[in-house]
C-alpha atoms as a PDB file:
ATOM      1  CA  MET A   1      -6.146   2.221  13.833  1.00  0.00           C
ATOM      2  CA  ALA A   2      -6.878   5.282  12.406  1.00  0.00           C
ATOM      3  CA  ILE A   3      -5.195   4.723   9.943  1.00  0.00           C
ATOM      4  CA  ILE A   4      -6.735   2.832   7.057  1.00  0.00           C
ATOM      5  CA  VAL A   5      -4.798   0.989   4.364  1.00  0.00           C
ATOM      6  CA  ASN A   6      -7.012   0.782   1.145  1.00  0.00           C
ATOM      7  CA  LEU A   7      -3.953  -0.875  -1.222  1.00  0.00           C
ATOM      8  CA  ASP A   8      -5.747  -3.544  -1.832  1.00  0.00           C
ATOM      9  CA  VAL A   9      -8.143  -1.265  -3.470  1.00  0.00           C
ATOM     10  CA  MET A  10      -5.576   0.472  -5.476  1.00  0.00           C
ATOM     11  CA  MET A  11      -3.861  -2.713  -6.591  1.00  0.00           C
ATOM     12  CA  ALA A  12      -7.757  -4.098  -8.213  1.00  0.00           C
ATOM     13  CA  LYS A  13      -8.465  -1.196 -10.092  1.00  0.00           C
ATOM     14  CA  ARG A  14      -4.875  -1.312 -11.699  1.00  0.00           C
ATOM     15  CA  LYS A  15      -4.938  -4.987 -11.991  1.00  0.00           C
ATOM     16  CA  ILE A  16      -2.267  -6.189 -10.289  1.00  0.00           C
ATOM     17  CA  SER A  17      -1.235  -8.744  -7.934  1.00  0.00           C
ATOM     18  CA  LEU A  18       0.715  -8.766  -4.751  1.00  0.00           C
ATOM     19  CA  GLY A  19       3.532 -10.297  -6.185  1.00  0.00           C
ATOM     20  CA  GLU A  20       4.056  -8.519  -9.348  1.00  0.00           C
ATOM     21  CA  LEU A  21       3.975  -5.137  -6.993  1.00  0.00           C
ATOM     22  CA  ALA A  22       6.279  -6.584  -4.716  1.00  0.00           C
ATOM     23  CA  GLU A  23       8.808  -7.427  -7.116  1.00  0.00           C
ATOM     24  CA  ARG A  24       8.284  -4.137  -8.982  1.00  0.00           C
ATOM     25  CA  ILE A  25       9.067  -1.826  -6.325  1.00  0.00           C
ATOM     26  CA  GLY A  26      11.539  -4.261  -4.592  1.00  0.00           C
ATOM     27  CA  ILE A  27      10.055  -5.505  -1.617  1.00  0.00           C
ATOM     28  CA  THR A  28       9.037  -9.060  -0.423  1.00  0.00           C
ATOM     29  CA  PRO A  29       5.724 -10.100  -0.732  1.00  0.00           C
ATOM     30  CA  ALA A  30       5.364 -10.981   3.049  1.00  0.00           C
ATOM     31  CA  ASN A  31       6.503  -7.522   3.821  1.00  0.00           C
ATOM     32  CA  LEU A  32       3.670  -5.837   1.101  1.00  0.00           C
ATOM     33  CA  SER A  33       0.979  -8.429   2.459  1.00  0.00           C
ATOM     34  CA  ILE A  34       1.523  -6.471   6.263  1.00  0.00           C
ATOM     35  CA  LEU A  35       1.045  -3.243   4.792  1.00  0.00           C
ATOM     36  CA  LYS A  36      -1.660  -4.082   2.661  1.00  0.00           C
ATOM     37  CA  THR A  37      -3.956  -5.928   4.993  1.00  0.00           C
ATOM     38  CA  GLY A  38      -3.140  -2.876   7.894  1.00  0.00           C
ATOM     39  CA  LYS A  39      -1.220  -4.717   9.874  1.00  0.00           C
ATOM     40  CA  ALA A  40       1.682  -2.334   9.600  1.00  0.00           C
ATOM     41  CA  LYS A  41       2.791  -0.209  12.256  1.00  0.00           C
ATOM     42  CA  ALA A  42       4.899   2.279   9.940  1.00  0.00           C
ATOM     43  CA  ILE A  43       5.979   2.427   6.174  1.00  0.00           C
ATOM     44  CA  ARG A  44       8.989   4.213   4.927  1.00  0.00           C
ATOM     45  CA  PHE A  45       8.525   7.255   2.306  1.00  0.00           C
ATOM     46  CA  SER A  46      11.137   5.800  -0.617  1.00  0.00           C
ATOM     47  CA  THR A  47       8.599   2.682  -0.689  1.00  0.00           C
ATOM     48  CA  LEU A  48       5.491   4.572  -0.169  1.00  0.00           C
ATOM     49  CA  GLU A  49       7.042   6.947  -3.267  1.00  0.00           C
ATOM     50  CA  ALA A  50       7.611   3.183  -5.083  1.00  0.00           C
ATOM     51  CA  ILE A  51       3.927   2.341  -4.933  1.00  0.00           C
ATOM     52  CA  CYS A  52       2.393   5.541  -5.654  1.00  0.00           C
ATOM     53  CA  LYS A  53       4.486   5.706  -8.597  1.00  0.00           C
ATOM     54  CA  GLU A  54       3.691   1.941  -9.840  1.00  0.00           C
ATOM     55  CA  LEU A  55       0.270   2.507  -9.153  1.00  0.00           C
ATOM     56  CA  ASP A  56       0.263   6.384 -10.723  1.00  0.00           C
ATOM     57  CA  CYS A  57      -1.712   7.152  -7.836  1.00  0.00           C
ATOM     58  CA  GLN A  58      -1.270   9.453  -4.943  1.00  0.00           C
ATOM     59  CA  PRO A  59      -0.650   8.408  -1.001  1.00  0.00           C
ATOM     60  CA  ALA A  60      -4.448   9.505  -0.399  1.00  0.00           C
ATOM     61  CA  ASP A  61      -5.662   6.843  -2.521  1.00  0.00           C
ATOM     62  CA  ILE A  62      -3.729   4.942  -0.374  1.00  0.00           C
ATOM     63  CA  LEU A  63      -4.046   5.714   3.088  1.00  0.00           C
ATOM     64  CA  GLU A  64      -6.818   7.098   5.143  1.00  0.00           C
ATOM     65  CA  PHE A  65      -7.459   8.617   8.640  1.00  0.00           C
ATOM     66  CA  GLN A  66     -10.474   8.017  10.598  1.00  0.00           C
ATOM     67  CA  HIS A  67     -11.222   9.066  13.667  1.00  0.00           C
ATOM     68  CA  GLU A  68     -11.800   6.407  16.049  1.00  0.00           C
ATOM     69  CA  GLU A  69     -15.085   6.874  18.345  1.00  0.00           C
END
């Protein structure tokens, strides 16, 4: 997939666990794990906004586009 999810990197920089972040933004740890591992097919803007607010980052810190070759 051409979209790379760097959520694990931002979580490590902010020293926050998956369970803690999931609780703070109001989604299940299972759904956050799907997003973190890049297996999600979509993300709601409200979820992305909540993640960015909680991690004090920009969407580009979490999502990256990479050309497939």
